[in-house]
Protein backbone atom coordinates (compact mmCIF):
# COMPACT_ATOMS: atom_id res chain seq x y z
CA MET A 1 -17.08 6.39 11.31
CA SER A 2 -14.71 7.79 13.85
CA GLN A 3 -11.67 9.94 12.78
CA ASN A 4 -9.61 8.00 15.32
CA ASP A 5 -10.21 4.66 13.76
CA PRO A 6 -6.59 3.74 11.90
CA LEU A 7 -8.60 2.07 8.62
CA TRP A 8 -10.82 5.16 8.42
CA ARG A 9 -7.83 7.32 7.85
CA LEU A 10 -6.17 4.91 5.52
CA ARG A 11 -9.49 4.39 3.66
CA HIS A 12 -7.91 6.21 0.45
CA ALA A 13 -4.89 4.42 0.34
CA LEU A 14 -6.63 1.09 0.88
CA ALA A 15 -9.18 1.65 -2.03
CA GLY A 16 -6.20 2.96 -4.26
CA ILE A 17 -4.17 -0.39 -3.59
CA ALA A 18 -7.31 -2.66 -4.03
CA LEU A 19 -8.10 -0.84 -7.43
CA ALA A 20 -4.53 -0.86 -8.85
CA LEU A 21 -4.31 -4.87 -7.69
CA LEU A 22 -7.65 -5.36 -9.26
CA PHE A 23 -6.48 -3.80 -12.58
CA SER A 24 -3.12 -5.48 -12.36
CA VAL A 25 -4.57 -8.90 -12.35
CA PRO A 26 -5.49 -8.92 -16.15
CA LEU A 27 -2.41 -6.87 -17.08
CA ALA A 28 -0.28 -9.72 -15.37
CA ALA A 29 -2.37 -12.26 -17.37
CA LEU A 30 -1.60 -10.32 -20.51
CA ALA A 31 2.17 -9.91 -19.91
CA GLY A 32 2.27 -13.54 -18.66
CA SER A 33 0.84 -14.79 -22.03
CA ALA A 34 3.04 -12.52 -24.14
CA LEU A 35 6.44 -13.31 -22.30
CA GLY A 36 5.38 -16.90 -21.74
CA GLN A 37 5.09 -17.35 -25.41
CA LEU A 38 8.30 -15.59 -26.06
CA TRP A 39 10.52 -17.91 -24.38
CA ALA A 40 8.98 -21.44 -24.40
CA ASP A 41 5.42 -21.11 -25.96
CA SER A 42 4.17 -23.38 -23.39
CA TYR A 43 1.09 -23.35 -21.00
CA GLY A 44 3.35 -24.06 -18.18
CA ALA A 45 5.79 -21.06 -19.19
CA ARG A 46 2.91 -18.90 -19.39
CA VAL A 47 1.47 -19.75 -16.04
CA THR A 48 4.86 -19.60 -14.35
CA VAL A 49 5.49 -16.10 -15.74
CA TYR A 50 1.77 -14.92 -14.78
CA GLY A 51 2.20 -16.37 -11.28
CA LEU A 52 5.59 -14.35 -10.75
CA LEU A 53 4.12 -11.25 -11.96
CA LEU A 54 1.36 -11.72 -9.47
CA LEU A 55 3.73 -12.31 -6.74
CA TYR A 56 5.74 -9.01 -7.81
CA VAL A 57 2.56 -7.11 -7.77
CA VAL A 58 1.39 -8.21 -4.41
CA THR A 59 4.84 -7.66 -2.77
CA GLY A 60 4.57 -3.98 -4.38
CA ALA A 61 1.15 -3.40 -2.90
CA VAL A 62 2.51 -4.31 0.45
CA VAL A 63 5.77 -1.94 0.33
CA LEU A 64 3.68 0.82 -1.24
CA PHE A 65 1.04 0.42 1.68
CA VAL A 66 3.80 0.48 4.04
CA ARG A 67 6.05 3.13 2.63
CA VAL A 68 3.13 5.41 1.43
CA ALA A 69 -0.26 4.84 2.85
CA GLN A 70 0.21 6.80 5.83
CA HIS A 71 0.83 10.11 3.95
CA GLU A 72 -2.37 9.47 1.24
CA THR A 73 -4.95 11.88 2.60
CA ARG A 74 -6.32 12.84 -0.94
CA PRO A 75 -9.87 11.05 -2.04
CA LEU A 76 -9.55 8.91 -5.08
CA SER A 77 -9.67 9.96 -8.47
CA VAL A 78 -8.96 8.13 -11.76
CA ALA A 79 -5.72 9.88 -11.83
CA ARG A 80 -4.81 8.83 -8.40
CA VAL A 81 -5.92 5.17 -9.33
CA LEU A 82 -3.60 5.40 -12.39
CA ARG A 83 -0.95 6.62 -10.27
CA TRP A 84 -1.10 3.77 -7.85
CA LEU A 85 -1.47 1.35 -10.71
CA VAL A 86 1.89 2.60 -12.15
CA SER A 87 3.67 2.80 -8.63
CA LEU A 88 2.46 -0.85 -8.39
CA TRP A 89 4.29 -1.98 -11.17
CA LEU A 90 7.47 0.28 -10.49
CA TRP A 91 7.78 -0.22 -6.90
CA PRO A 92 11.37 -1.30 -6.70
CA LEU A 93 12.44 2.49 -7.90
CA LEU A 94 10.49 3.73 -4.65
CA LEU A 95 12.81 1.53 -2.62
CA LEU A 96 15.83 2.76 -4.57
CA ALA A 97 14.82 6.21 -4.15
CA GLY A 98 14.02 5.96 -0.58
CA ARG A 99 17.81 5.06 0.09
CA LYS A 100 19.60 7.72 1.36
CA ALA A 101 23.36 8.25 0.66
CA PRO A 102 25.57 7.06 3.79
CA PRO A 103 27.05 10.01 5.53
CA PRO A 104 30.74 11.05 4.86
CA VAL A 105 33.32 9.45 6.81
CA ASP A 106 35.41 12.00 8.72
CA GLY A 107 38.87 11.18 8.49
């Protein structure tokens, strides 16, 4: 593979996000089932919660890839995949941490 190929440079991030998404699907199913039973205890409620959790996780994957992928150069390990998985579920914190305080107004 060519070192100039952008996909080759992002291979660690792509693999990390893909594995984190793969592991997130059953986690979302379990959480959707549990939360759906708490609220309405119907199949429709469980499917709705599961679908919303999947949307949340896929959105998180896109946000993480855009914000972090270009900096990911270390090879994958179990610890790195677990970090991607946790980051995938906590991605709003990444957005909040990335915001900078507005500059002080001189006056």
